[in-house]
Structure formats: structure tokens, C-alpha cells
Amino acid sequence: MDFRDNKAIYLQIADFFCENILLKKWKEGERVPSVRETAVDIEVNPNTVMRTFNYLQDMDIIFNKRGIGYFVSEGAFEKTLTLKKDSFIKNDLPLIFKTMQLLNIDFDELKSYYDNHKN
């Protein structure tokens, strides 16, 4: 996993988990990789991964079955979708709008780029 400097590593790992849930690679009730497995796979300290797991538990996206592991919570897809949309609208969209204004890109032009990208 390649990490960016502008965001805490544990949040970037949380984004990875959320992406897997939104892509439905991990479904509600399914076990997710353990703290140790995740730490080894992405080459980070297990304490950092544990911080991610605590964050995702606080968001009710995953839950722990003591002695068994972590699992995707019921309703995690909807909660993750809401969380990621809110974050996008609050953090990313203002920068996109500012950049569009600076570059004189209107929504019609942006739509054509979007249409070409999604195909």
C-alpha cells in the first residue's frame, strides 16, 4: 500500500477497508483480515492497524467477536457510503470547485471528462 503524507496512515488504512466494503469484496457478517495479517500485508506497525480497527468499530463499520476476529457490521455498506460521501463533500469537493474555477472548467466540460472516464 502506498501512503500519502497528507493523511494519517490509520485513516488511509480505514479508507482501504471502506473501499473493500463499498466494492462488496467484504460483505456484512464476513470476517475481515486480522490486525496482524493487515499489518504484515501492508507493512505497518500492528498498533497503527489497531488504531484503524478502533476507528472503524467506533463508526460501527466493523465489530469484534472476542477470540474469533473482526467482522463487517450489519449496515456497514450504508454507513460507509454515508461516511465517505460526507467526507468527499466536506473535504474534496471544495478543492475541486476551486480548481475548476481557477482553470475555467464548467460542469458541462467536467461531465464530458466524467463520461469518458467511467467507460
N, C-alpha and C. Protein backbone atom coordinates (compact mmCIF):
# COMPACT_ATOMS: atom_id res chain seq x y z
N MET A 1 0.85 -1.18 0.00
CA MET A 1 0.00 0.00 0.00
C MET A 1 0.89 1.24 0.00
N ASP A 2 0.59 2.16 -0.86
CA ASP A 2 1.33 3.42 -0.92
C ASP A 2 0.60 4.46 -0.09
N PHE A 3 1.33 5.07 0.84
CA PHE A 3 0.72 6.05 1.73
C PHE A 3 1.06 7.47 1.28
N ARG A 4 0.10 8.36 1.50
CA ARG A 4 0.30 9.78 1.20
C ARG A 4 0.68 10.50 2.49
N ASP A 5 1.42 11.58 2.35
CA ASP A 5 1.87 12.33 3.51
C ASP A 5 0.79 13.21 4.12
N ASN A 6 -0.26 13.51 3.37
CA ASN A 6 -1.24 14.49 3.82
C ASN A 6 -2.38 13.92 4.67
N LYS A 7 -2.31 12.63 5.00
CA LYS A 7 -3.38 11.99 5.77
C LYS A 7 -2.77 10.93 6.68
N ALA A 8 -3.28 10.82 7.89
CA ALA A 8 -2.78 9.83 8.85
C ALA A 8 -2.88 8.42 8.25
N ILE A 9 -1.87 7.61 8.53
CA ILE A 9 -1.81 6.26 7.97
C ILE A 9 -3.02 5.43 8.40
N TYR A 10 -3.42 5.53 9.66
CA TYR A 10 -4.54 4.71 10.12
C TYR A 10 -5.82 5.07 9.35
N LEU A 11 -5.97 6.34 8.95
CA LEU A 11 -7.15 6.74 8.17
C LEU A 11 -7.06 6.25 6.73
N GLN A 12 -5.85 6.16 6.20
CA GLN A 12 -5.67 5.62 4.84
C GLN A 12 -5.98 4.12 4.84
N ILE A 13 -5.63 3.43 5.91
CA ILE A 13 -5.98 2.01 6.04
C ILE A 13 -7.49 1.87 6.17
N ALA A 14 -8.12 2.77 6.92
CA ALA A 14 -9.58 2.75 7.06
C ALA A 14 -10.23 2.97 5.69
N ASP A 15 -9.64 3.87 4.87
CA ASP A 15 -10.16 4.08 3.52
C ASP A 15 -10.09 2.80 2.70
N PHE A 16 -9.01 2.06 2.85
CA PHE A 16 -8.85 0.78 2.15
C PHE A 16 -9.95 -0.20 2.58
N PHE A 17 -10.21 -0.28 3.88
CA PHE A 17 -11.26 -1.16 4.37
C PHE A 17 -12.62 -0.71 3.83
N CYS A 18 -12.88 0.59 3.88
CA CYS A 18 -14.15 1.12 3.39
C CYS A 18 -14.32 0.84 1.90
N GLU A 19 -13.24 0.98 1.15
CA GLU A 19 -13.30 0.70 -0.29
C GLU A 19 -13.69 -0.75 -0.54
N ASN A 20 -13.12 -1.67 0.22
CA ASN A 20 -13.46 -3.09 0.06
C ASN A 20 -14.92 -3.36 0.40
N ILE A 21 -15.45 -2.63 1.37
CA ILE A 21 -16.86 -2.79 1.74
C ILE A 21 -17.73 -2.20 0.63
N LEU A 22 -17.37 -1.02 0.13
CA LEU A 22 -18.18 -0.39 -0.92
C LEU A 22 -18.13 -1.17 -2.23
N LEU A 23 -17.00 -1.82 -2.50
CA LEU A 23 -16.88 -2.68 -3.69
C LEU A 23 -17.52 -4.05 -3.48
N LYS A 24 -18.02 -4.27 -2.27
CA LYS A 24 -18.67 -5.52 -1.85
C LYS A 24 -17.72 -6.72 -1.92
N LYS A 25 -16.43 -6.45 -1.76
CA LYS A 25 -15.47 -7.55 -1.61
C LYS A 25 -15.61 -8.16 -0.23
N TRP A 26 -15.98 -7.31 0.75
CA TRP A 26 -16.25 -7.77 2.11
C TRP A 26 -17.70 -7.43 2.41
N LYS A 27 -18.49 -8.46 2.67
CA LYS A 27 -19.91 -8.29 2.90
C LYS A 27 -20.23 -8.35 4.39
N GLU A 28 -21.41 -7.84 4.72
CA GLU A 28 -21.86 -7.84 6.10
C GLU A 28 -21.77 -9.24 6.70
N GLY A 29 -21.22 -9.31 7.89
CA GLY A 29 -21.09 -10.58 8.60
C GLY A 29 -19.83 -11.35 8.26
N GLU A 30 -19.11 -10.95 7.21
CA GLU A 30 -17.88 -11.64 6.83
C GLU A 30 -16.70 -11.17 7.68
N ARG A 31 -15.79 -12.09 7.90
CA ARG A 31 -14.58 -11.78 8.65
C ARG A 31 -13.65 -10.94 7.78
N VAL A 32 -13.01 -9.96 8.40
CA VAL A 32 -12.00 -9.15 7.70
C VAL A 32 -10.62 -9.63 8.16
N PRO A 33 -9.57 -9.31 7.42
CA PRO A 33 -8.23 -9.73 7.84
C PRO A 33 -7.92 -9.23 9.26
N SER A 34 -7.17 -10.02 9.99
CA SER A 34 -6.83 -9.67 11.37
C SER A 34 -5.87 -8.49 11.42
N VAL A 35 -5.68 -7.96 12.61
CA VAL A 35 -4.72 -6.87 12.81
C VAL A 35 -3.35 -7.31 12.33
N ARG A 36 -2.91 -8.49 12.74
CA ARG A 36 -1.59 -9.00 12.36
C ARG A 36 -1.48 -9.20 10.85
N GLU A 37 -2.50 -9.85 10.25
CA GLU A 37 -2.48 -10.07 8.79
C GLU A 37 -2.39 -8.74 8.04
N THR A 38 -3.19 -7.79 8.47
CA THR A 38 -3.20 -6.48 7.80
C THR A 38 -1.85 -5.79 7.95
N ALA A 39 -1.30 -5.82 9.16
CA ALA A 39 0.00 -5.16 9.42
C ALA A 39 1.09 -5.77 8.54
N VAL A 40 1.11 -7.09 8.42
CA VAL A 40 2.12 -7.76 7.61
C VAL A 40 1.90 -7.44 6.13
N ASP A 41 0.65 -7.52 5.68
CA ASP A 41 0.35 -7.29 4.26
C ASP A 41 0.72 -5.89 3.79
N ILE A 42 0.46 -4.89 4.61
CA ILE A 42 0.72 -3.52 4.16
C ILE A 42 1.97 -2.92 4.81
N GLU A 43 2.67 -3.74 5.58
CA GLU A 43 3.97 -3.38 6.16
C GLU A 43 3.90 -2.14 7.05
N VAL A 44 3.00 -2.21 8.04
CA VAL A 44 2.91 -1.15 9.05
C VAL A 44 2.90 -1.79 10.43
N ASN A 45 3.08 -0.96 11.43
CA ASN A 45 3.07 -1.41 12.81
C ASN A 45 1.67 -1.90 13.19
N PRO A 46 1.56 -3.03 13.88
CA PRO A 46 0.24 -3.52 14.31
C PRO A 46 -0.54 -2.50 15.15
N ASN A 47 0.17 -1.64 15.88
CA ASN A 47 -0.54 -0.61 16.67
C ASN A 47 -1.28 0.37 15.77
N THR A 48 -0.71 0.66 14.61
CA THR A 48 -1.37 1.54 13.65
C THR A 48 -2.64 0.87 13.12
N VAL A 49 -2.55 -0.41 12.82
CA VAL A 49 -3.72 -1.15 12.34
C VAL A 49 -4.77 -1.23 13.44
N MET A 50 -4.34 -1.43 14.67
CA MET A 50 -5.28 -1.49 15.79
C MET A 50 -6.03 -0.16 15.92
N ARG A 51 -5.32 0.94 15.69
CA ARG A 51 -5.97 2.26 15.72
C ARG A 51 -7.04 2.34 14.63
N THR A 52 -6.75 1.79 13.46
CA THR A 52 -7.73 1.74 12.37
C THR A 52 -8.95 0.93 12.80
N PHE A 53 -8.70 -0.24 13.37
CA PHE A 53 -9.81 -1.11 13.78
C PHE A 53 -10.67 -0.42 14.84
N ASN A 54 -10.04 0.27 15.79
CA ASN A 54 -10.80 1.00 16.81
C ASN A 54 -11.65 2.10 16.17
N TYR A 55 -11.08 2.81 15.22
CA TYR A 55 -11.81 3.86 14.50
C TYR A 55 -13.02 3.25 13.77
N LEU A 56 -12.80 2.16 13.03
CA LEU A 56 -13.89 1.53 12.29
C LEU A 56 -14.95 0.95 13.22
N GLN A 57 -14.53 0.46 14.39
CA GLN A 57 -15.50 -0.01 15.38
C GLN A 57 -16.33 1.16 15.91
N ASP A 58 -15.67 2.28 16.19
CA ASP A 58 -16.38 3.46 16.68
C ASP A 58 -17.40 3.94 15.66
N MET A 59 -17.12 3.73 14.38
CA MET A 59 -18.04 4.11 13.30
C MET A 59 -19.09 3.02 13.05
N ASP A 60 -18.99 1.92 13.78
CA ASP A 60 -19.90 0.77 13.65
C ASP A 60 -19.85 0.16 12.25
N ILE A 61 -18.63 0.14 11.68
CA ILE A 61 -18.42 -0.46 10.37
C ILE A 61 -17.91 -1.89 10.51
N ILE A 62 -17.12 -2.13 11.55
CA ILE A 62 -16.70 -3.50 11.88
C ILE A 62 -16.98 -3.74 13.36
N PHE A 63 -16.99 -5.01 13.74
CA PHE A 63 -17.15 -5.36 15.16
C PHE A 63 -16.25 -6.54 15.47
N ASN A 64 -15.97 -6.72 16.75
CA ASN A 64 -15.06 -7.76 17.20
C ASN A 64 -15.84 -8.86 17.89
N LYS A 65 -15.59 -10.10 17.48
CA LYS A 65 -16.06 -11.27 18.21
C LYS A 65 -14.84 -11.76 18.97
N ARG A 66 -14.82 -11.50 20.24
CA ARG A 66 -13.66 -11.80 21.07
C ARG A 66 -13.15 -13.21 20.83
N GLY A 67 -11.86 -13.31 20.52
CA GLY A 67 -11.22 -14.59 20.30
C GLY A 67 -11.41 -15.16 18.90
N ILE A 68 -12.25 -14.53 18.10
CA ILE A 68 -12.52 -15.04 16.76
C ILE A 68 -11.98 -14.09 15.70
N GLY A 69 -12.23 -12.79 15.88
CA GLY A 69 -11.74 -11.82 14.92
C GLY A 69 -12.71 -10.68 14.70
N TYR A 70 -12.43 -9.91 13.67
CA TYR A 70 -13.26 -8.75 13.32
C TYR A 70 -14.11 -9.08 12.11
N PHE A 71 -15.31 -8.52 12.11
CA PHE A 71 -16.29 -8.81 11.08
C PHE A 71 -16.94 -7.51 10.60
N VAL A 72 -17.45 -7.54 9.38
CA VAL A 72 -18.17 -6.39 8.83
C VAL A 72 -19.53 -6.32 9.52
N SER A 73 -19.85 -5.14 10.04
CA SER A 73 -21.10 -4.93 10.78
C SER A 73 -22.31 -4.94 9.86
N GLU A 74 -23.45 -5.24 10.42
CA GLU A 74 -24.71 -5.13 9.70
C GLU A 74 -24.92 -3.64 9.38
N GLY A 75 -25.29 -3.34 8.17
CA GLY A 75 -25.50 -1.96 7.75
C GLY A 75 -24.22 -1.21 7.44
N ALA A 76 -23.10 -1.94 7.38
CA ALA A 76 -21.80 -1.29 7.15
C ALA A 76 -21.71 -0.63 5.78
N PHE A 77 -22.33 -1.24 4.79
CA PHE A 77 -22.28 -0.64 3.45
C PHE A 77 -22.89 0.76 3.47
N GLU A 78 -24.10 0.88 4.03
CA GLU A 78 -24.78 2.17 4.07
C GLU A 78 -24.02 3.17 4.94
N LYS A 79 -23.50 2.72 6.09
CA LYS A 79 -22.74 3.60 6.98
C LYS A 79 -21.46 4.07 6.30
N THR A 80 -20.81 3.16 5.59
CA THR A 80 -19.57 3.51 4.89
C THR A 80 -19.87 4.48 3.76
N LEU A 81 -20.91 4.23 3.02
CA LEU A 81 -21.30 5.11 1.92
C LEU A 81 -21.58 6.52 2.44
N THR A 82 -22.33 6.62 3.52
CA THR A 82 -22.63 7.92 4.12
C THR A 82 -21.37 8.60 4.61
N LEU A 83 -20.51 7.87 5.30
CA LEU A 83 -19.26 8.42 5.82
C LEU A 83 -18.38 8.95 4.69
N LYS A 84 -18.21 8.16 3.63
CA LYS A 84 -17.35 8.55 2.52
C LYS A 84 -17.95 9.72 1.72
N LYS A 85 -19.27 9.72 1.54
CA LYS A 85 -19.92 10.83 0.84
C LYS A 85 -19.74 12.12 1.63
N ASP A 86 -20.00 12.06 2.93
CA ASP A 86 -19.85 13.25 3.78
C ASP A 86 -18.42 13.78 3.73
N SER A 87 -17.46 12.88 3.80
CA SER A 87 -16.05 13.28 3.74
C SER A 87 -15.71 13.91 2.39
N PHE A 88 -16.21 13.32 1.31
CA PHE A 88 -15.96 13.85 -0.03
C PHE A 88 -16.54 15.26 -0.17
N ILE A 89 -17.78 15.42 0.27
CA ILE A 89 -18.45 16.72 0.13
C ILE A 89 -17.77 17.77 1.00
N LYS A 90 -17.36 17.40 2.17
CA LYS A 90 -16.74 18.35 3.10
C LYS A 90 -15.28 18.66 2.74
N ASN A 91 -14.51 17.66 2.35
CA ASN A 91 -13.07 17.83 2.19
C ASN A 91 -12.60 17.95 0.74
N ASP A 92 -13.13 17.14 -0.13
CA ASP A 92 -12.62 17.08 -1.51
C ASP A 92 -13.33 18.04 -2.46
N LEU A 93 -14.63 18.10 -2.35
CA LEU A 93 -15.41 18.90 -3.29
C LEU A 93 -15.04 20.38 -3.29
N PRO A 94 -14.83 21.02 -2.14
CA PRO A 94 -14.42 22.44 -2.18
C PRO A 94 -13.13 22.66 -2.98
N LEU A 95 -12.17 21.75 -2.85
CA LEU A 95 -10.93 21.87 -3.61
C LEU A 95 -11.18 21.67 -5.10
N ILE A 96 -12.05 20.74 -5.44
CA ILE A 96 -12.40 20.51 -6.84
C ILE A 96 -13.06 21.76 -7.43
N PHE A 97 -14.02 22.34 -6.69
CA PHE A 97 -14.68 23.55 -7.17
C PHE A 97 -13.70 24.70 -7.35
N LYS A 98 -12.78 24.85 -6.41
CA LYS A 98 -11.78 25.91 -6.50
C LYS A 98 -10.90 25.71 -7.74
N THR A 99 -10.47 24.48 -7.94
CA THR A 99 -9.63 24.17 -9.09
C THR A 99 -10.39 24.38 -10.40
N MET A 100 -11.65 23.97 -10.43
CA MET A 100 -12.47 24.19 -11.63
C MET A 100 -12.57 25.68 -11.94
N GLN A 101 -12.76 26.47 -10.91
CA GLN A 101 -12.88 27.91 -11.11
C GLN A 101 -11.56 28.50 -11.61
N LEU A 102 -10.45 28.09 -11.02
CA LEU A 102 -9.15 28.59 -11.44
C LEU A 102 -8.83 28.22 -12.90
N LEU A 103 -9.26 27.03 -13.31
CA LEU A 103 -8.96 26.53 -14.65
C LEU A 103 -10.07 26.82 -15.65
N ASN A 104 -11.11 27.51 -15.18
CA ASN A 104 -12.23 27.87 -16.03
C ASN A 104 -12.87 26.62 -16.67
N ILE A 105 -13.12 25.63 -15.83
CA ILE A 105 -13.80 24.40 -16.26
C ILE A 105 -15.24 24.47 -15.76
N ASP A 106 -16.20 24.35 -16.66
CA ASP A 106 -17.59 24.36 -16.22
C ASP A 106 -18.10 22.92 -16.09
N PHE A 107 -19.33 22.78 -15.60
CA PHE A 107 -19.87 21.45 -15.34
C PHE A 107 -20.10 20.64 -16.61
N ASP A 108 -20.43 21.29 -17.70
CA ASP A 108 -20.62 20.57 -18.97
C ASP A 108 -19.30 19.93 -19.41
N GLU A 109 -18.22 20.71 -19.32
CA GLU A 109 -16.90 20.17 -19.68
C GLU A 109 -16.51 19.05 -18.73
N LEU A 110 -16.77 19.25 -17.46
CA LEU A 110 -16.45 18.22 -16.46
C LEU A 110 -17.24 16.95 -16.72
N LYS A 111 -18.49 17.09 -17.10
CA LYS A 111 -19.32 15.92 -17.40
C LYS A 111 -18.74 15.11 -18.55
N SER A 112 -18.22 15.79 -19.57
CA SER A 112 -17.63 15.04 -20.69
C SER A 112 -16.41 14.25 -20.22
N TYR A 113 -15.60 14.84 -19.34
CA TYR A 113 -14.45 14.11 -18.79
C TYR A 113 -14.92 12.92 -17.96
N TYR A 114 -15.96 13.15 -17.18
CA TYR A 114 -16.51 12.09 -16.34
C TYR A 114 -17.05 10.95 -17.20
N ASP A 115 -17.82 11.29 -18.22
CA ASP A 115 -18.38 10.27 -19.11
C ASP A 115 -17.28 9.44 -19.77
N ASN A 116 -16.21 10.09 -20.20
CA ASN A 116 -15.09 9.38 -20.82
C ASN A 116 -14.35 8.51 -19.81
N HIS A 117 -14.27 8.96 -18.60
CA HIS A 117 -13.55 8.22 -17.57
C HIS A 117 -14.28 6.95 -17.12
N LYS A 118 -15.58 7.05 -17.00
CA LYS A 118 -16.34 5.90 -16.46
C LYS A 118 -16.49 4.78 -17.46
N ASN A 119 -16.22 5.02 -18.72
CA ASN A 119 -16.34 3.97 -19.75
C ASN A 119 -15.10 3.20 -19.92
